[in-house]
Every structure is written in structure tokens, then in C-alpha cells.
C-alpha atoms as a PDB file:
ATOM      1  CA  MET A   1      45.455  30.212  43.548  1.00  0.00           C
ATOM      2  CA  GLU A   2      48.000  27.231  45.228  1.00  0.00           C
ATOM      3  CA  THR A   3      47.349  26.437  48.473  1.00  0.00           C
ATOM      4  CA  LEU A   4      50.440  26.431  50.761  1.00  0.00           C
ATOM      5  CA  ILE A   5      49.187  25.929  53.974  1.00  0.00           C
ATOM      6  CA  GLU A   6      46.191  23.658  54.750  1.00  0.00           C
ATOM      7  CA  VAL A   7      45.168  23.230  58.168  1.00  0.00           C
ATOM      8  CA  THR A   8      42.194  20.626  59.200  1.00  0.00           C
ATOM      9  CA  GLY A   9      40.339  19.870  62.219  1.00  0.00           C
ATOM     10  CA  LEU A  10      43.436  20.864  64.443  1.00  0.00           C
ATOM     11  CA  SER A  11      42.916  20.886  67.886  1.00  0.00           C
ATOM     12  CA  LYS A  12      45.616  20.970  71.278  1.00  0.00           C
ATOM     13  CA  SER A  13      44.741  20.080  74.955  1.00  0.00           C
ATOM     14  CA  PHE A  14      47.239  20.295  77.798  1.00  0.00           C
ATOM     15  CA  GLY A  15      45.718  18.405  80.264  1.00  0.00           C
ATOM     16  CA  THR A  16      42.164  19.667  80.870  1.00  0.00           C
ATOM     17  CA  LEU A  17      42.730  22.617  79.081  1.00  0.00           C
ATOM     18  CA  GLN A  18      41.705  23.014  75.398  1.00  0.00           C
ATOM     19  CA  ALA A  19      44.116  25.335  73.908  1.00  0.00           C
ATOM     20  CA  VAL A  20      42.803  24.783  70.218  1.00  0.00           C
ATOM     21  CA  ASP A  21      39.669  23.752  69.375  1.00  0.00           C
ATOM     22  CA  ASN A  22      38.750  22.084  66.148  1.00  0.00           C
ATOM     23  CA  VAL A  23      40.506  25.013  64.009  1.00  0.00           C
ATOM     24  CA  SER A  24      40.795  24.753  59.904  1.00  0.00           C
ATOM     25  CA  LEU A  25      42.096  27.337  57.564  1.00  0.00           C
ATOM     26  CA  THR A  26      44.252  27.510  54.359  1.00  0.00           C
ATOM     27  CA  VAL A  27      46.454  30.433  53.302  1.00  0.00           C
ATOM     28  CA  ARG A  28      47.331  30.285  49.358  1.00  0.00           C
ATOM     29  CA  ARG A  29      50.302  31.569  47.596  1.00  0.00           C
ATOM     30  CA  GLY A  30      49.999  35.212  47.493  1.00  0.00           C
ATOM     31  CA  GLU A  31      47.628  35.711  50.784  1.00  0.00           C
ATOM     32  CA  VAL A  32      48.558  37.453  53.563  1.00  0.00           C
ATOM     33  CA  LEU A  33      46.490  36.232  56.625  1.00  0.00           C
ATOM     34  CA  GLY A  34      45.839  38.106  59.667  1.00  0.00           C
ATOM     35  CA  PHE A  35      45.921  35.826  62.655  1.00  0.00           C
ATOM     36  CA  LEU A  36      43.787  37.573  65.242  1.00  0.00           C
ATOM     37  CA  GLY A  37      42.525  37.101  68.777  1.00  0.00           C
ATOM     38  CA  PRO A  38      42.436  37.919  72.512  1.00  0.00           C
ATOM     39  CA  ASN A  39      45.492  37.035  74.922  1.00  0.00           C
ATOM     40  CA  GLY A  40      45.200  33.266  75.310  1.00  0.00           C
ATOM     41  CA  ALA A  41      43.058  33.148  72.498  1.00  0.00           C
ATOM     42  CA  GLY A  42      45.336  29.784  71.066  1.00  0.00           C
ATOM     43  CA  LYS A  43      47.207  31.850  68.161  1.00  0.00           C
ATOM     44  CA  SER A  44      50.925  31.045  69.454  1.00  0.00           C
ATOM     45  CA  THR A  45      49.838  27.472  69.916  1.00  0.00           C
ATOM     46  CA  THR A  46      48.262  27.177  66.416  1.00  0.00           C
ATOM     47  CA  MET A  47      51.495  28.536  64.707  1.00  0.00           C
ATOM     48  CA  LYS A  48      53.755  26.215  66.609  1.00  0.00           C
ATOM     49  CA  MET A  49      51.903  23.352  65.756  1.00  0.00           C
ATOM     50  CA  ILE A  50      51.715  24.451  61.631  1.00  0.00           C
ATOM     51  CA  THR A  51      55.842  25.196  61.873  1.00  0.00           C
ATOM     52  CA  GLY A  52      56.046  21.620  63.952  1.00  0.00           C
ATOM     53  CA  PHE A  53      57.291  22.950  66.973  1.00  0.00           C
ATOM     54  CA  LEU A  54      54.217  21.181  68.686  1.00  0.00           C
ATOM     55  CA  ALA A  55      52.340  17.807  67.906  1.00  0.00           C
ATOM     56  CA  PRO A  56      48.549  18.224  67.564  1.00  0.00           C
ATOM     57  CA  SER A  57      46.033  16.530  69.794  1.00  0.00           C
ATOM     58  CA  ALA A  58      44.070  16.014  66.185  1.00  0.00           C
ATOM     59  CA  GLY A  59      43.497  17.346  63.158  1.00  0.00           C
ATOM     60  CA  ARG A  60      46.098  17.692  59.991  1.00  0.00           C
ATOM     61  CA  ILE A  61      48.270  20.112  59.005  1.00  0.00           C
ATOM     62  CA  SER A  62      49.422  19.852  55.295  1.00  0.00           C
ATOM     63  CA  VAL A  63      52.678  22.354  54.247  1.00  0.00           C
ATOM     64  CA  ALA A  64      53.412  23.250  50.391  1.00  0.00           C
ATOM     65  CA  GLY A  65      51.703  19.487  50.146  1.00  0.00           C
ATOM     66  CA  PHE A  66      53.909  17.600  53.042  1.00  0.00           C
ATOM     67  CA  ASP A  67      52.475  16.611  55.963  1.00  0.00           C
ATOM     68  CA  ILE A  68      53.683  18.341  59.162  1.00  0.00           C
ATOM     69  CA  GLU A  69      53.908  15.381  61.057  1.00  0.00           C
ATOM     70  CA  ARG A  70      54.746  12.132  58.301  1.00  0.00           C
ATOM     71  CA  ASP A  71      57.406  14.388  56.564  1.00  0.00           C
ATOM     72  CA  PRO A  72      58.742  16.970  58.666  1.00  0.00           C
ATOM     73  CA  LEU A  73      62.028  17.999  57.317  1.00  0.00           C
ATOM     74  CA  ALA A  74      60.631  18.482  53.657  1.00  0.00           C
ATOM     75  CA  ALA A  75      57.597  20.650  55.338  1.00  0.00           C
ATOM     76  CA  LYS A  76      59.914  22.593  57.637  1.00  0.00           C
ATOM     77  CA  ALA A  77      62.387  23.249  54.968  1.00  0.00           C
ATOM     78  CA  ARG A  78      59.883  25.387  53.172  1.00  0.00           C
ATOM     79  CA  ILE A  79      58.748  27.614  56.336  1.00  0.00           C
ATOM     80  CA  GLY A  80      60.422  30.981  57.648  1.00  0.00           C
ATOM     81  CA  TYR A  81      59.174  30.938  60.978  1.00  0.00           C
ATOM     82  CA  LEU A  82      59.723  34.037  63.509  1.00  0.00           C
ATOM     83  CA  PRO A  83      58.508  33.101  67.118  1.00  0.00           C
ATOM     84  CA  GLU A  84      57.007  34.743  69.889  1.00  0.00           C
ATOM     85  CA  GLY A  85      59.844  37.016  70.848  1.00  0.00           C
ATOM     86  CA  ALA A  86      61.897  36.815  68.321  1.00  0.00           C
ATOM     87  CA  PRO A  87      64.215  34.083  70.112  1.00  0.00           C
ATOM     88  CA  ALA A  88      68.147  33.839  69.425  1.00  0.00           C
ATOM     89  CA  TYR A  89      71.088  32.900  71.072  1.00  0.00           C
ATOM     90  CA  GLY A  90      72.116  36.432  73.106  1.00  0.00           C
ATOM     91  CA  GLU A  91      75.972  35.701  72.861  1.00  0.00           C
ATOM     92  CA  MET A  92      76.066  35.544  69.324  1.00  0.00           C
ATOM     93  CA  THR A  93      76.693  38.456  67.354  1.00  0.00           C
ATOM     94  CA  ALA A  94      73.468  39.276  64.822  1.00  0.00           C
ATOM     95  CA  ALA A  95      76.250  38.414  62.053  1.00  0.00           C
ATOM     96  CA  THR A  96      77.617  34.939  63.784  1.00  0.00           C
ATOM     97  CA  PHE A  97      73.675  34.009  64.290  1.00  0.00           C
ATOM     98  CA  LEU A  98      73.100  34.459  60.644  1.00  0.00           C
ATOM     99  CA  GLU A  99      75.725  32.512  59.586  1.00  0.00           C
ATOM    100  CA  PHE A 100      74.992  29.869  61.937  1.00  0.00           C
ATOM    101  CA  ILE A 101      71.087  30.040  60.140  1.00  0.00           C
ATOM    102  CA  ALA A 102      72.351  29.769  56.995  1.00  0.00           C
ATOM    103  CA  ASP A 103      74.570  26.399  57.867  1.00  0.00           C
ATOM    104  CA  ILE A 104      71.049  25.022  59.398  1.00  0.00           C
ATOM    105  CA  ARG A 105      69.164  26.054  56.384  1.00  0.00           C
ATOM    106  CA  GLY A 106      72.031  24.281  54.045  1.00  0.00           C
ATOM    107  CA  LEU A 107      72.311  27.628  52.108  1.00  0.00           C
ATOM    108  CA  PRO A 108      75.176  26.933  49.304  1.00  0.00           C
ATOM    109  CA  ARG A 109      78.610  28.324  50.578  1.00  0.00           C
ATOM    110  CA  ALA A 110      79.189  29.612  47.351  1.00  0.00           C
ATOM    111  CA  THR A 111      75.981  31.624  47.634  1.00  0.00           C
ATOM    112  CA  ARG A 112      75.726  32.303  51.190  1.00  0.00           C
ATOM    113  CA  ALA A 113      77.523  35.786  52.053  1.00  0.00           C
ATOM    114  CA  GLU A 114      75.810  37.255  49.333  1.00  0.00           C
ATOM    115  CA  ARG A 115      72.443  36.283  50.035  1.00  0.00           C
ATOM    116  CA  ILE A 116      73.079  37.272  54.079  1.00  0.00           C
ATOM    117  CA  ARG A 117      73.891  40.824  52.602  1.00  0.00           C
ATOM    118  CA  GLU A 118      70.929  41.047  50.705  1.00  0.00           C
ATOM    119  CA  VAL A 119      68.822  40.205  53.993  1.00  0.00           C
ATOM    120  CA  VAL A 120      70.892  42.712  55.592  1.00  0.00           C
ATOM    121  CA  ALA A 121      70.498  45.410  53.505  1.00  0.00           C
ATOM    122  CA  GLN A 122      66.502  44.516  53.088  1.00  0.00           C
ATOM    123  CA  ILE A 123      66.133  44.636  57.102  1.00  0.00           C
ATOM    124  CA  HIS A 124      68.669  47.753  57.469  1.00  0.00           C
ATOM    125  CA  LEU A 125      70.793  45.193  59.908  1.00  0.00           C
ATOM    126  CA  GLU A 126      74.244  47.151  59.119  1.00  0.00           C
ATOM    127  CA  ASN A 127      74.993  49.150  61.954  1.00  0.00           C
ATOM    128  CA  VAL A 128      74.012  46.087  64.417  1.00  0.00           C
ATOM    129  CA  LEU A 129      75.739  43.032  62.951  1.00  0.00           C
ATOM    130  CA  ASP A 130      78.887  42.747  65.359  1.00  0.00           C
ATOM    131  CA  GLN A 131      77.009  43.645  68.332  1.00  0.00           C
ATOM    132  CA  ARG A 132      75.661  40.686  70.423  1.00  0.00           C
ATOM    133  CA  ILE A 133      72.257  40.040  70.387  1.00  0.00           C
ATOM    134  CA  GLU A 134      71.879  40.315  74.114  1.00  0.00           C
ATOM    135  CA  THR A 135      72.974  44.026  73.911  1.00  0.00           C
ATOM    136  CA  LEU A 136      70.101  45.102  71.077  1.00  0.00           C
ATOM    137  CA  SER A 137      67.047  46.764  71.705  1.00  0.00           C
ATOM    138  CA  LYS A 138      63.900  45.202  71.381  1.00  0.00           C
ATOM    139  CA  GLY A 139      63.072  46.356  67.803  1.00  0.00           C
ATOM    140  CA  PHE A 140      66.498  44.930  66.540  1.00  0.00           C
ATOM    141  CA  LYS A 141      66.028  41.983  68.126  1.00  0.00           C
ATOM    142  CA  ARG A 142      62.844  41.565  66.409  1.00  0.00           C
ATOM    143  CA  ARG A 143      64.856  42.638  62.887  1.00  0.00           C
ATOM    144  CA  VAL A 144      67.236  40.139  63.579  1.00  0.00           C
ATOM    145  CA  GLY A 145      64.566  37.509  63.829  1.00  0.00           C
ATOM    146  CA  LEU A 146      62.873  38.583  60.679  1.00  0.00           C
ATOM    147  CA  ALA A 147      66.135  37.953  58.800  1.00  0.00           C
ATOM    148  CA  GLN A 148      67.049  34.492  60.145  1.00  0.00           C
ATOM    149  CA  ALA A 149      63.051  33.270  59.208  1.00  0.00           C
ATOM    150  CA  VAL A 150      63.597  34.890  55.258  1.00  0.00           C
ATOM    151  CA  LEU A 151      67.006  34.066  54.903  1.00  0.00           C
ATOM    152  CA  HIS A 152      66.318  30.985  52.961  1.00  0.00           C
ATOM    153  CA  ASP A 153      63.998  32.728  50.648  1.00  0.00           C
ATOM    154  CA  PRO A 154      61.075  30.078  52.155  1.00  0.00           C
ATOM    155  CA  GLU A 155      57.631  29.541  50.354  1.00  0.00           C
ATOM    156  CA  ILE A 156      55.659  30.282  53.517  1.00  0.00           C
ATOM    157  CA  LEU A 157      56.076  32.555  56.182  1.00  0.00           C
ATOM    158  CA  ILE A 158      54.647  32.601  59.831  1.00  0.00           C
ATOM    159  CA  MET A 159      55.399  35.427  61.831  1.00  0.00           C
ATOM    160  CA  ASP A 160      54.393  36.225  65.497  1.00  0.00           C
ATOM    161  CA  GLU A 161      53.629  39.547  66.175  1.00  0.00           C
ATOM    162  CA  PRO A 162      56.448  40.666  63.381  1.00  0.00           C
ATOM    163  CA  THR A 163      56.319  44.696  64.297  1.00  0.00           C
ATOM    164  CA  ASP A 164      56.055  44.059  68.130  1.00  0.00           C
ATOM    165  CA  GLY A 165      58.612  46.887  69.689  1.00  0.00           C
ATOM    166  CA  LEU A 166      59.015  48.111  66.491  1.00  0.00           C
ATOM    167  CA  ASP A 167      58.599  52.450  66.493  1.00  0.00           C
ATOM    168  CA  PRO A 168      56.293  53.689  63.463  1.00  0.00           C
ATOM    169  CA  ASN A 169      59.301  54.069  60.887  1.00  0.00           C
ATOM    170  CA  GLN A 170      60.359  50.108  61.441  1.00  0.00           C
ATOM    171  CA  LYS A 171      56.854  49.226  61.225  1.00  0.00           C
ATOM    172  CA  HIS A 172      56.023  50.893  57.962  1.00  0.00           C
ATOM    173  CA  GLU A 173      59.635  49.024  56.535  1.00  0.00           C
ATOM    174  CA  VAL A 174      58.395  45.910  57.942  1.00  0.00           C
ATOM    175  CA  ARG A 175      55.072  45.819  56.440  1.00  0.00           C
ATOM    176  CA  SER A 176      56.723  47.566  53.173  1.00  0.00           C
ATOM    177  CA  LEU A 177      58.676  44.249  53.028  1.00  0.00           C
ATOM    178  CA  ILE A 178      55.529  41.695  53.677  1.00  0.00           C
ATOM    179  CA  GLN A 179      53.813  43.452  51.065  1.00  0.00           C
ATOM    180  CA  ALA A 180      57.046  43.080  48.332  1.00  0.00           C
ATOM    181  CA  MET A 181      57.135  39.293  49.482  1.00  0.00           C
ATOM    182  CA  ALA A 182      53.548  38.347  49.517  1.00  0.00           C
ATOM    183  CA  PRO A 183      52.970  37.762  45.561  1.00  0.00           C
ATOM    184  CA  HIS A 184      55.253  34.614  45.971  1.00  0.00           C
ATOM    185  CA  LYS A 185      54.828  33.358  49.171  1.00  0.00           C
ATOM    186  CA  ALA A 186      51.921  32.549  51.394  1.00  0.00           C
ATOM    187  CA  ILE A 187      52.007  34.657  54.905  1.00  0.00           C
ATOM    188  CA  LEU A 188      50.602  34.062  58.264  1.00  0.00           C
ATOM    189  CA  ILE A 189      50.867  36.780  60.828  1.00  0.00           C
ATOM    190  CA  SER A 190      49.690  36.625  64.307  1.00  0.00           C
ATOM    191  CA  THR A 191      49.287  40.228  65.400  1.00  0.00           C
ATOM    192  CA  HIS A 192      47.496  42.321  68.308  1.00  0.00           C
ATOM    193  CA  ILE A 193      47.982  45.462  66.030  1.00  0.00           C
ATOM    194  CA  LEU A 194      44.533  45.733  64.033  1.00  0.00           C
ATOM    195  CA  GLU A 195      45.977  48.493  61.709  1.00  0.00           C
ATOM    196  CA  GLU A 196      48.158  45.666  60.648  1.00  0.00           C
ATOM    197  CA  VAL A 197      45.198  44.093  59.153  1.00  0.00           C
ATOM    198  CA  ASP A 198      44.296  46.991  56.806  1.00  0.00           C
ATOM    199  CA  ALA A 199      47.818  47.935  55.928  1.00  0.00           C
ATOM    200  CA  VAL A 200      49.268  44.271  54.789  1.00  0.00           C
ATOM    201  CA  CYS A 201      46.747  41.724  55.253  1.00  0.00           C
ATOM    202  CA  THR A 202      44.516  40.297  52.276  1.00  0.00           C
ATOM    203  CA  ARG A 203      42.111  38.358  54.877  1.00  0.00           C
ATOM    204  CA  ALA A 204      41.680  37.615  58.332  1.00  0.00           C
ATOM    205  CA  VAL A 205      40.620  35.009  60.968  1.00  0.00           C
ATOM    206  CA  ILE A 206      40.015  35.398  64.357  1.00  0.00           C
ATOM    207  CA  ILE A 207      40.422  33.009  67.369  1.00  0.00           C
ATOM    208  CA  ALA A 208      38.794  32.963  70.873  1.00  0.00           C
ATOM    209  CA  ARG A 209      38.590  30.266  73.718  1.00  0.00           C
ATOM    210  CA  GLY A 210      40.794  28.221  70.839  1.00  0.00           C
ATOM    211  CA  ARG A 211      37.993  28.172  68.125  1.00  0.00           C
ATOM    212  CA  LEU A 212      37.665  30.181  64.936  1.00  0.00           C
ATOM    213  CA  ILE A 213      34.865  32.687  65.091  1.00  0.00           C
ATOM    214  CA  PHE A 214      35.342  34.786  61.790  1.00  0.00           C
ATOM    215  CA  SER A 215      36.577  34.454  58.476  1.00  0.00           C
ATOM    216  CA  GLY A 216      36.935  37.234  55.955  1.00  0.00           C
ATOM    217  CA  THR A 217      38.417  40.135  54.029  1.00  0.00           C
ATOM    218  CA  PRO A 218      39.480  43.002  56.326  1.00  0.00           C
ATOM    219  CA  ARG A 219      36.693  45.089  54.464  1.00  0.00           C
ATOM    220  CA  GLU A 220      34.015  42.445  55.367  1.00  0.00           C
ATOM    221  CA  LEU A 221      35.500  42.851  59.088  1.00  0.00           C
ATOM    222  CA  ALA A 222      35.167  46.323  59.012  1.00  0.00           C
ATOM    223  CA  ALA A 223      31.387  46.121  57.439  1.00  0.00           C
ATOM    224  CA  ARG A 224      30.593  44.491  60.817  1.00  0.00           C
ATOM    225  CA  SER A 225      31.176  47.834  62.725  1.00  0.00           C
ATOM    226  CA  ARG A 226      28.534  49.933  63.640  1.00  0.00           C
ATOM    227  CA  TYR A 227      30.445  53.008  62.326  1.00  0.00           C
ATOM    228  CA  HIS A 228      30.456  50.775  58.884  1.00  0.00           C
ATOM    229  CA  ASN A 229      29.090  54.018  56.207  1.00  0.00           C
ATOM    230  CA  ALA A 230      28.446  56.363  59.191  1.00  0.00           C
ATOM    231  CA  VAL A 231      29.196  59.885  58.230  1.00  0.00           C
ATOM    232  CA  THR A 232      31.206  62.050  60.650  1.00  0.00           C
ATOM    233  CA  ALA A 233      31.193  65.746  60.839  1.00  0.00           C
ATOM    234  CA  ILE A 234      33.838  67.572  62.682  1.00  0.00           C
ATOM    235  CA  VAL A 235      32.820  71.047  63.679  1.00  0.00           C
ATOM    236  CA  ALA A 236      33.697  74.443  65.676  1.00  0.00           C
ATOM    237  CA  SER A 237      32.138  73.847  69.230  1.00  0.00           C
ATOM    238  CA  ALA A 238      30.481  76.814  69.257  1.00  0.00           C
ATOM    239  CA  GLU A 239      28.427  75.233  66.373  1.00  0.00           C
ATOM    240  CA  ALA A 240      28.114  71.834  68.037  1.00  0.00           C
ATOM    241  CA  GLY A 241      24.494  72.316  68.978  1.00  0.00           C
ATOM    242  CA  GLN A 242      23.201  73.555  65.962  1.00  0.00           C
ATOM    243  CA  ALA A 243      24.961  70.744  64.169  1.00  0.00           C
ATOM    244  CA  SER A 244      23.758  68.040  66.418  1.00  0.00           C
ATOM    245  CA  ALA A 245      20.447  69.417  66.425  1.00  0.00           C
ATOM    246  CA  VAL A 246      19.943  69.044  62.214  1.00  0.00           C
ATOM    247  CA  LEU A 247      22.075  65.271  62.449  1.00  0.00           C
ATOM    248  CA  SER A 248      19.555  64.122  65.157  1.00  0.00           C
ATOM    249  CA  ARG A 249      16.953  64.742  62.806  1.00  0.00           C
ATOM    250  CA  LEU A 250      18.222  62.523  60.413  1.00  0.00           C
ATOM    251  CA  GLY A 251      19.304  59.376  62.619  1.00  0.00           C
ATOM    252  CA  GLU A 252      21.508  58.303  66.014  1.00  0.00           C
ATOM    253  CA  VAL A 253      24.092  60.556  66.437  1.00  0.00           C
ATOM    254  CA  GLU A 254      27.303  59.963  68.679  1.00  0.00           C
ATOM    255  CA  THR A 255      28.957  63.108  70.078  1.00  0.00           C
ATOM    256  CA  ARG A 256      32.738  63.259  71.087  1.00  0.00           C
ATOM    257  CA  GLU A 257      34.514  66.722  72.605  1.00  0.00           C
ATOM    258  CA  LEU A 258      37.772  67.372  71.310  1.00  0.00           C
ATOM    259  CA  ALA A 259      39.596  70.491  72.363  1.00  0.00           C
ATOM    260  CA  GLU A 260      38.148  73.472  70.379  1.00  0.00           C
ATOM    261  CA  GLU A 261      36.168  71.175  68.334  1.00  0.00           C
ATOM    262  CA  THR A 262      33.245  68.534  68.492  1.00  0.00           C
ATOM    263  CA  ARG A 263      32.844  65.246  66.449  1.00  0.00           C
ATOM    264  CA  LEU A 264      29.580  64.315  65.440  1.00  0.00           C
ATOM    265  CA  THR A 265      28.856  60.797  63.689  1.00  0.00           C
ATOM    266  CA  LEU A 266      25.758  59.942  62.281  1.00  0.00           C
ATOM    267  CA  LEU A 267      24.733  56.382  62.625  1.00  0.00           C
ATOM    268  CA  SER A 268      23.503  53.445  60.756  1.00  0.00           C
ATOM    269  CA  SER A 269      23.671  55.984  57.772  1.00  0.00           C
ATOM    270  CA  ASP A 270      24.224  54.500  53.900  1.00  0.00           C
ATOM    271  CA  GLY A 271      27.257  56.203  53.403  1.00  0.00           C
ATOM    272  CA  ALA A 272      27.915  58.523  50.250  1.00  0.00           C
ATOM    273  CA  ASN A 273      24.157  59.440  49.747  1.00  0.00           C
ATOM    274  CA  ALA A 274      23.891  60.495  53.715  1.00  0.00           C
ATOM    275  CA  ALA A 275      27.066  62.470  53.241  1.00  0.00           C
ATOM    276  CA  THR A 276      25.437  64.419  50.629  1.00  0.00           C
ATOM    277  CA  THR A 277      22.654  65.143  52.910  1.00  0.00           C
ATOM    278  CA  VAL A 278      24.338  65.933  55.844  1.00  0.00           C
ATOM    279  CA  GLN A 279      26.763  68.728  53.725  1.00  0.00           C
ATOM    280  CA  ALA A 280      23.647  70.101  52.552  1.00  0.00           C
ATOM    281  CA  ARG A 281      21.639  69.926  55.927  1.00  0.00           C
ATOM    282  CA  LEU A 282      24.347  71.523  57.628  1.00  0.00           C
ATOM    283  CA  ARG A 283      24.706  74.376  54.609  1.00  0.00           C
ATOM    284  CA  GLU A 284      21.261  75.043  54.952  1.00  0.00           C
ATOM    285  CA  ALA A 285      21.623  75.528  58.820  1.00  0.00           C
ATOM    286  CA  GLY A 286      24.937  78.034  58.566  1.00  0.00           C
ATOM    287  CA  VAL A 287      26.908  75.335  59.847  1.00  0.00           C
ATOM    288  CA  ALA A 288      30.544  74.844  58.075  1.00  0.00           C
ATOM    289  CA  PRO A 289      32.227  71.627  59.245  1.00  0.00           C
ATOM    290  CA  ARG A 290      35.874  71.435  59.489  1.00  0.00           C
ATOM    291  CA  GLU A 291      35.773  68.017  58.036  1.00  0.00           C
ATOM    292  CA  LEU A 292      33.377  65.500  56.530  1.00  0.00           C
ATOM    293  CA  PHE A 293      33.857  62.153  56.069  1.00  0.00           C
ATOM    294  CA  ILE A 294      32.289  58.300  55.611  1.00  0.00           C
ATOM    295  CA  GLU A 295      33.694  55.896  58.395  1.00  0.00           C
ATOM    296  CA  HIS A 296      34.930  52.623  56.650  1.00  0.00           C
ATOM    297  CA  GLY A 297      34.363  51.085  60.162  1.00  0.00           C
ATOM    298  CA  HIS A 298      36.322  50.444  63.363  1.00  0.00           C
ATOM    299  CA  LEU A 299      38.054  47.163  63.556  1.00  0.00           C
ATOM    300  CA  ASP A 300      39.044  47.292  67.329  1.00  0.00           C
ATOM    301  CA  GLU A 301      35.359  47.948  68.029  1.00  0.00           C
ATOM    302  CA  VAL A 302      34.587  44.771  65.614  1.00  0.00           C
ATOM    303  CA  PHE A 303      36.903  42.855  67.420  1.00  0.00           C
ATOM    304  CA  ARG A 304      35.730  43.054  70.843  1.00  0.00           C
ATOM    305  CA  THR A 305      32.262  42.506  69.747  1.00  0.00           C
ATOM    306  CA  ILE A 306      32.925  39.096  67.877  1.00  0.00           C
ATOM    307  CA  THR A 307      35.694  37.794  70.755  1.00  0.00           C
ATOM    308  CA  LEU A 308      33.400  39.074  73.947  1.00  0.00           C
ATOM    309  CA  GLY A 309      30.390  37.556  72.397  1.00  0.00           C
ATOM    310  CA  ALA A 310      31.696  34.579  70.887  1.00  0.00           C
ATOM    311  CA  ARG A 311      29.417  31.404  71.803  1.00  0.00           C
ATOM    312  CA  GLY A 312      29.759  27.852  70.557  1.00  0.00           C
ATOM    313  CA  GLY A 313      32.639  28.487  68.242  1.00  0.00           C
ATOM    314  CA  GLU A 314      30.331  29.618  65.286  1.00  0.00           C
ATOM    315  CA  VAL A 315      32.474  30.472  62.320  1.00  0.00           C
ATOM    316  CA  HIS A 316      31.341  34.105  60.806  1.00  0.00           C
ATOM    317  CA  ARG A 317      31.767  34.339  57.157  1.00  0.00           C
ATOM    318  CA  THR A 318      30.662  36.986  54.943  1.00  0.00           C
END
């Protein structure tokens, strides 16, 4: 696959604060890279440097083969950028703002109106086109920001929290749009919503204290979880004691009480084989689980472990 974003040894300091420290990453056409990290980790600063909004203190950034510092206009022409907070001119209507962006991006007048209609329909902005942006909800402001980012059909999309402020239905629509565009573009998404990594990303990197500390696929990230391949049985509370005794003979068990049920998780297991054993042992004990399934891993737990335990900027690759 063609590499469209290549970042090498990228650093940024603000006085004595080292916001980004020697970060290197690539994004190829057809990839959706999830860019993760706690607040203040350096995600937004890195994205601003890749898009040319901030000059790096050190390092090199290549966008579609163009150096962002030596040939910024050619590089930026190939980028669609949704910044944090989706800033726009609040006094403009959504329609006027998109016309303004089309003019800045140099869309041909012959096809401009049709392209705007296409994007408006794609992102479902029809009902707010004549409203001033300052009057829109947070979710619709985010949609207008997404529309301006894709209006010129760029090869590269860089989006800072693209589903922030959207309701579940709107999040699903945006994720579907990202998946539809992904085969033809290189997409970099900063997000704190870990389910988004599973939903749309083909790879993920984690940054903490300005340093890259993990690079791999979402599946490889989930495999670091203590719950990876664990077996969970949900049983009636009246049978919890008996079920716990059975599972405890097989290994470490984590218990969580629900309303009228108990969730028992057998940790450090080997997935399918352990599930078969658990099912058989519970049946022998006369316990009928209401649900029984293999855990893939908890991304939030892995994220906490990696970011809180980060030392020395080591990159964890699997």
C-alpha cells in the first residue's frame, strides 16, 4: 500500500515543556489509524504539526510525498482536517461556510454546487443549511466541520475526535462514512472513545507524555488485556456460589454482582477450549448459565495499564 503520511523523529517543545518527543509513524492508503492517549499526551499537537498548523522543533513530515515544511501548499491541498472543537465562523450559515471552504479549496465552479449537495446529503446537513453555525448544536457543528474536511475529496483525512458530541445514531453514521471512504484514503483519527478503535480502525498507536508507547492492530491491543480469552458465565444469583466453586477449581475467577444475576469470569484461560470445559463442569454441577462467552479483551483496561505504566518512551509492538 502507498504511504501517504510519514512522520519521522517528530518533536515539539514549548519552552521547557516537551509536548511531543521523537514520534515516528506511517499511515498508508486504505488504513484508518487510531491515535490514542490521555489528555495532554501530545495527540492534538502532533496532528497540528502533520497538517502544517504548527512547526515542529525537530523531525520530518511527508504528506502524499510532499514535505510539509518545504512544500506546504501542495501538502495541505491533499489533506482534509477536522480540528479539535470543529472551529468555524459562527456568524456564517452552514451553506455559506461550505461555499467559503469550496472557494478556498479551489473547487471548480462548474462542479462546486453539485459537490456541496453531495457532501450535505452524505453528512445529513439539509435541515440546518440556512442556520448560523453559532446556533447549531454541538453535534451539528461537528457535522459541518466534517463536511468541510471532506469537501475537496482529499487523499488524506486527519480528524481530532470526529464523533465528539454526537448521539449514538450520529456516531454510527460518521463511522459508516469513515469506513466507506477508508479504501481510497489514509485516515488518522484522534479519539478517546476506545470503542471507536474497534469500530473503524485498522491500526492503533498510543502516545503518553509525548512519546509513542504502543503500535499495533486493535486485536493486538486487546490481546494485552488480562481478560483476553477469558471465559465469562452469567448465572442466576441463587446459583452463583455453586458456579463460583466450580470455576475456582479451574483458575482465577473474578465475580461481579448484577441485579438478579452474577457475572463470573475465569481469567488466564485459553478461550474456546476453556469455554468447553466451563460449560461441561457447570452442567455436571447442575448449573445452567444464562450466557456463556469468550472475552476478546477490554481496551480500557489495556489503555490504563499502558499509559499509567509508560516508562522511558519504549514502543510496544506485537
